[in-house]
N, C-alpha and C. Protein backbone atom coordinates (compact mmCIF):
# COMPACT_ATOMS: atom_id res chain seq x y z
N UNK A 1 12.67 -6.40 -9.05
CA UNK A 1 11.56 -5.97 -9.90
C UNK A 1 11.37 -4.48 -9.69
N UNK A 2 11.37 -3.71 -10.78
CA UNK A 2 11.14 -2.27 -10.69
C UNK A 2 9.67 -1.95 -10.58
N UNK A 3 9.36 -0.73 -10.24
CA UNK A 3 7.95 -0.36 -10.03
C UNK A 3 7.16 -0.39 -11.32
N UNK A 4 7.77 -0.05 -12.45
CA UNK A 4 7.03 -0.11 -13.72
C UNK A 4 6.64 -1.54 -14.06
N UNK A 5 7.57 -2.48 -13.84
CA UNK A 5 7.25 -3.89 -14.07
C UNK A 5 6.20 -4.37 -13.09
N UNK A 6 6.29 -3.90 -11.86
CA UNK A 6 5.34 -4.30 -10.83
C UNK A 6 3.93 -3.86 -11.20
N UNK A 7 3.79 -2.67 -11.76
CA UNK A 7 2.47 -2.19 -12.17
C UNK A 7 1.82 -3.13 -13.16
N UNK A 8 2.62 -3.81 -13.97
CA UNK A 8 2.09 -4.68 -15.01
C UNK A 8 2.04 -6.15 -14.58
N UNK A 9 2.91 -6.55 -13.65
CA UNK A 9 3.12 -7.97 -13.41
C UNK A 9 2.41 -8.55 -12.20
N UNK A 10 2.09 -7.75 -11.22
CA UNK A 10 1.59 -8.29 -9.96
C UNK A 10 0.08 -8.18 -9.89
N UNK A 11 -0.54 -9.29 -9.56
CA UNK A 11 -1.98 -9.33 -9.31
C UNK A 11 -2.17 -9.81 -7.87
N UNK A 12 -2.97 -9.09 -7.12
CA UNK A 12 -3.26 -9.48 -5.74
C UNK A 12 -4.74 -9.31 -5.46
N UNK A 13 -5.19 -10.01 -4.44
CA UNK A 13 -6.55 -9.84 -3.94
C UNK A 13 -6.43 -9.34 -2.51
N UNK A 14 -7.12 -8.26 -2.21
CA UNK A 14 -7.09 -7.68 -0.88
C UNK A 14 -8.46 -7.81 -0.22
N UNK A 15 -8.43 -7.83 1.10
CA UNK A 15 -9.68 -7.83 1.88
C UNK A 15 -9.59 -6.68 2.87
N UNK A 16 -10.62 -5.87 2.92
CA UNK A 16 -10.69 -4.78 3.89
C UNK A 16 -10.99 -5.40 5.25
N UNK A 17 -10.10 -5.18 6.19
CA UNK A 17 -10.25 -5.73 7.54
C UNK A 17 -11.00 -4.77 8.45
N UNK A 18 -10.81 -3.47 8.21
CA UNK A 18 -11.48 -2.51 9.06
C UNK A 18 -11.40 -1.11 8.49
N UNK A 19 -12.45 -0.34 8.76
CA UNK A 19 -12.53 1.05 8.35
C UNK A 19 -13.02 1.85 9.55
N UNK A 20 -12.31 2.91 9.85
CA UNK A 20 -12.73 3.80 10.93
C UNK A 20 -12.85 5.20 10.35
N UNK A 21 -14.08 5.60 10.04
CA UNK A 21 -14.31 6.91 9.41
C UNK A 21 -13.86 8.05 10.32
N UNK A 22 -14.10 7.93 11.60
CA UNK A 22 -13.75 9.01 12.53
C UNK A 22 -12.23 9.22 12.58
N UNK A 23 -11.48 8.12 12.55
CA UNK A 23 -10.01 8.21 12.59
C UNK A 23 -9.40 8.26 11.19
N UNK A 24 -10.24 8.11 10.18
CA UNK A 24 -9.80 8.12 8.78
C UNK A 24 -8.73 7.05 8.53
N UNK A 25 -9.02 5.82 8.94
CA UNK A 25 -8.07 4.73 8.77
C UNK A 25 -8.71 3.55 8.06
N UNK A 26 -7.87 2.81 7.35
CA UNK A 26 -8.26 1.57 6.68
C UNK A 26 -7.19 0.53 6.98
N UNK A 27 -7.61 -0.67 7.29
CA UNK A 27 -6.70 -1.80 7.46
C UNK A 27 -7.11 -2.85 6.44
N UNK A 28 -6.13 -3.37 5.71
CA UNK A 28 -6.42 -4.37 4.69
C UNK A 28 -5.38 -5.48 4.72
N UNK A 29 -5.76 -6.64 4.21
CA UNK A 29 -4.86 -7.78 4.10
C UNK A 29 -4.81 -8.24 2.66
N UNK A 30 -3.63 -8.68 2.25
CA UNK A 30 -3.51 -9.35 0.96
C UNK A 30 -3.85 -10.81 1.22
N UNK A 31 -4.86 -11.33 0.52
CA UNK A 31 -5.32 -12.69 0.80
C UNK A 31 -4.99 -13.67 -0.32
N UNK A 32 -4.58 -13.16 -1.49
CA UNK A 32 -4.24 -14.05 -2.60
C UNK A 32 -3.43 -13.28 -3.63
N UNK A 33 -2.70 -14.00 -4.44
CA UNK A 33 -2.00 -13.36 -5.54
C UNK A 33 -0.51 -13.60 -5.56
N UNK A 34 0.17 -12.83 -6.39
CA UNK A 34 1.58 -13.03 -6.68
C UNK A 34 2.50 -12.83 -5.48
N UNK A 35 2.10 -12.05 -4.50
CA UNK A 35 2.97 -11.79 -3.35
C UNK A 35 2.90 -12.90 -2.31
N UNK A 36 1.82 -13.64 -2.30
CA UNK A 36 1.61 -14.64 -1.25
C UNK A 36 1.90 -16.05 -1.76
N UNK A 37 1.14 -16.98 -1.28
CA UNK A 37 1.28 -18.40 -1.64
C UNK A 37 2.66 -18.93 -1.29
N UNK A 38 3.23 -18.42 -0.21
CA UNK A 38 4.55 -18.82 0.29
C UNK A 38 5.66 -18.62 -0.73
N UNK A 39 5.40 -17.80 -1.76
CA UNK A 39 6.46 -17.49 -2.73
C UNK A 39 7.33 -16.36 -2.19
N UNK A 40 6.71 -15.28 -1.76
CA UNK A 40 7.44 -14.15 -1.21
C UNK A 40 7.09 -13.91 0.26
N UNK A 41 5.80 -13.84 0.53
CA UNK A 41 5.35 -13.53 1.89
C UNK A 41 4.26 -14.50 2.32
N UNK A 42 4.30 -14.87 3.59
CA UNK A 42 3.25 -15.72 4.15
C UNK A 42 2.02 -14.90 4.49
N UNK A 43 2.26 -13.66 4.91
CA UNK A 43 1.15 -12.77 5.24
C UNK A 43 1.57 -11.33 4.97
N UNK A 44 0.56 -10.50 4.71
CA UNK A 44 0.82 -9.10 4.43
C UNK A 44 -0.42 -8.30 4.82
N UNK A 45 -0.22 -7.31 5.69
CA UNK A 45 -1.33 -6.46 6.13
C UNK A 45 -0.90 -5.01 6.03
N UNK A 46 -1.76 -4.18 5.43
CA UNK A 46 -1.46 -2.77 5.25
C UNK A 46 -2.35 -1.88 6.09
N UNK A 47 -1.82 -0.72 6.45
CA UNK A 47 -2.52 0.26 7.26
C UNK A 47 -2.41 1.62 6.58
N UNK A 48 -3.54 2.28 6.37
CA UNK A 48 -3.55 3.60 5.75
C UNK A 48 -4.32 4.53 6.68
N UNK A 49 -3.72 5.70 6.94
CA UNK A 49 -4.44 6.73 7.70
C UNK A 49 -4.26 8.07 7.00
N UNK A 50 -5.29 8.88 7.06
CA UNK A 50 -5.29 10.19 6.42
C UNK A 50 -5.59 11.24 7.49
N UNK A 51 -4.71 12.24 7.56
CA UNK A 51 -4.87 13.32 8.52
C UNK A 51 -4.94 14.64 7.77
N UNK A 52 -6.03 15.40 7.93
CA UNK A 52 -6.10 16.70 7.25
C UNK A 52 -5.00 17.64 7.75
N UNK A 53 -4.43 18.40 6.83
CA UNK A 53 -3.45 19.41 7.22
C UNK A 53 -4.17 20.54 7.96
N UNK A 54 -3.48 21.16 8.89
CA UNK A 54 -4.11 22.22 9.67
C UNK A 54 -3.80 23.61 9.11
N UNK A 55 -2.96 23.69 8.08
CA UNK A 55 -2.67 25.00 7.49
C UNK A 55 -3.82 25.43 6.57
N UNK A 56 -3.72 26.60 6.04
CA UNK A 56 -4.78 27.14 5.18
C UNK A 56 -4.70 26.64 3.74
N UNK A 57 -3.72 25.81 3.43
CA UNK A 57 -3.55 25.32 2.06
C UNK A 57 -4.40 24.10 1.76
N UNK A 58 -5.05 23.55 2.74
CA UNK A 58 -5.86 22.35 2.54
C UNK A 58 -4.98 21.13 2.37
N UNK A 59 -5.57 20.08 1.84
CA UNK A 59 -4.82 18.85 1.63
C UNK A 59 -4.80 17.98 2.86
N UNK A 60 -4.12 16.86 2.74
CA UNK A 60 -4.03 15.89 3.82
C UNK A 60 -2.66 15.23 3.81
N UNK A 61 -2.35 14.58 4.90
CA UNK A 61 -1.14 13.77 5.01
C UNK A 61 -1.58 12.32 5.09
N UNK A 62 -1.05 11.50 4.21
CA UNK A 62 -1.37 10.09 4.17
C UNK A 62 -0.20 9.30 4.73
N UNK A 63 -0.49 8.40 5.65
CA UNK A 63 0.54 7.51 6.20
C UNK A 63 0.16 6.08 5.86
N UNK A 64 1.13 5.37 5.32
CA UNK A 64 0.92 3.98 4.94
C UNK A 64 2.02 3.14 5.59
N UNK A 65 1.63 2.04 6.21
CA UNK A 65 2.60 1.13 6.80
C UNK A 65 2.10 -0.30 6.59
N UNK A 66 2.99 -1.25 6.86
CA UNK A 66 2.58 -2.64 6.67
C UNK A 66 3.31 -3.55 7.65
N UNK A 67 2.72 -4.71 7.86
CA UNK A 67 3.32 -5.80 8.61
C UNK A 67 3.29 -7.01 7.69
N UNK A 68 4.36 -7.77 7.69
CA UNK A 68 4.44 -8.92 6.79
C UNK A 68 5.30 -10.00 7.42
N UNK A 69 5.11 -11.20 6.90
CA UNK A 69 5.96 -12.33 7.28
C UNK A 69 6.53 -12.89 5.99
N UNK A 70 7.86 -12.91 5.90
CA UNK A 70 8.51 -13.42 4.69
C UNK A 70 8.35 -14.94 4.61
N UNK A 71 8.27 -15.44 3.37
CA UNK A 71 8.15 -16.88 3.16
C UNK A 71 9.44 -17.61 3.52
N UNK A 72 10.57 -16.92 3.37
CA UNK A 72 11.87 -17.49 3.76
C UNK A 72 12.84 -16.34 4.00
N UNK A 73 13.98 -16.65 4.57
CA UNK A 73 15.00 -15.63 4.81
C UNK A 73 15.61 -15.11 3.51
N UNK A 74 15.44 -15.85 2.43
CA UNK A 74 15.99 -15.45 1.13
C UNK A 74 15.18 -14.33 0.48
N UNK A 75 13.96 -14.12 0.94
CA UNK A 75 13.10 -13.07 0.38
C UNK A 75 13.55 -11.72 0.91
N UNK A 76 13.68 -10.75 0.01
CA UNK A 76 14.12 -9.42 0.43
C UNK A 76 12.99 -8.66 1.12
N UNK A 77 13.37 -7.58 1.77
CA UNK A 77 12.38 -6.70 2.39
C UNK A 77 11.51 -6.12 1.26
N UNK A 78 10.26 -5.81 1.54
CA UNK A 78 9.34 -5.36 0.48
C UNK A 78 9.52 -3.89 0.07
N UNK A 79 10.75 -3.49 -0.22
CA UNK A 79 11.03 -2.12 -0.62
C UNK A 79 10.30 -1.78 -1.92
N UNK A 80 10.20 -2.77 -2.82
CA UNK A 80 9.53 -2.53 -4.10
C UNK A 80 8.06 -2.18 -3.90
N UNK A 81 7.45 -2.67 -2.83
CA UNK A 81 6.05 -2.34 -2.55
C UNK A 81 5.95 -0.86 -2.16
N UNK A 82 6.89 -0.40 -1.34
CA UNK A 82 6.93 1.01 -0.96
C UNK A 82 7.07 1.88 -2.20
N UNK A 83 7.97 1.51 -3.11
CA UNK A 83 8.18 2.27 -4.34
C UNK A 83 6.91 2.26 -5.19
N UNK A 84 6.26 1.11 -5.26
CA UNK A 84 5.01 0.98 -6.01
C UNK A 84 3.92 1.87 -5.45
N UNK A 85 3.73 1.80 -4.14
CA UNK A 85 2.69 2.59 -3.48
C UNK A 85 2.97 4.09 -3.65
N UNK A 86 4.22 4.48 -3.49
CA UNK A 86 4.60 5.89 -3.66
C UNK A 86 4.26 6.36 -5.07
N UNK A 87 4.57 5.54 -6.06
CA UNK A 87 4.29 5.91 -7.45
C UNK A 87 2.79 6.02 -7.70
N UNK A 88 2.02 5.10 -7.15
CA UNK A 88 0.56 5.14 -7.32
C UNK A 88 -0.02 6.41 -6.70
N UNK A 89 0.41 6.74 -5.47
CA UNK A 89 -0.12 7.94 -4.81
C UNK A 89 0.30 9.22 -5.53
N UNK A 90 1.52 9.23 -6.09
CA UNK A 90 1.95 10.39 -6.86
C UNK A 90 1.09 10.57 -8.11
N UNK A 91 0.79 9.45 -8.79
CA UNK A 91 -0.07 9.52 -9.98
C UNK A 91 -1.48 9.97 -9.60
N UNK A 92 -2.00 9.48 -8.49
CA UNK A 92 -3.32 9.89 -8.02
C UNK A 92 -3.32 11.38 -7.68
N UNK A 93 -2.30 11.84 -7.00
CA UNK A 93 -2.18 13.26 -6.64
C UNK A 93 -2.14 14.12 -7.90
N UNK A 94 -1.32 13.74 -8.88
CA UNK A 94 -1.23 14.47 -10.14
C UNK A 94 -2.60 14.54 -10.83
N UNK A 95 -3.30 13.42 -10.84
CA UNK A 95 -4.61 13.36 -11.48
C UNK A 95 -5.60 14.29 -10.77
N UNK A 96 -5.64 14.23 -9.45
CA UNK A 96 -6.59 15.05 -8.70
C UNK A 96 -6.27 16.55 -8.84
N UNK A 97 -5.00 16.89 -8.89
CA UNK A 97 -4.62 18.29 -9.01
C UNK A 97 -4.86 18.84 -10.42
N UNK A 98 -4.94 17.95 -11.41
CA UNK A 98 -5.17 18.40 -12.78
C UNK A 98 -6.65 18.57 -13.10
N UNK A 99 -7.52 18.11 -12.22
CA UNK A 99 -8.97 18.17 -12.46
C UNK A 99 -9.51 19.58 -12.31
């Protein structure tokens, strides 16, 4: 599945597990939807952290990672999720820079 198809085809429900304002981190879990229900993954948890850049140009560095359990060995690694997330953040960055 390509990222363009993923933008249209996948519906998920997420739950925020934790927010740490001081560390600028968010932890979330996918609790329902197309990725779960033992079709692709048994569990999926994402981690996002934002670190301000220390140079004079402003901006921040965003790090995103995940832990998951595949529903079976036949399920591929979630590379398409990485591509999807990258595309979403690029679109968000473009939008914010155009404002």
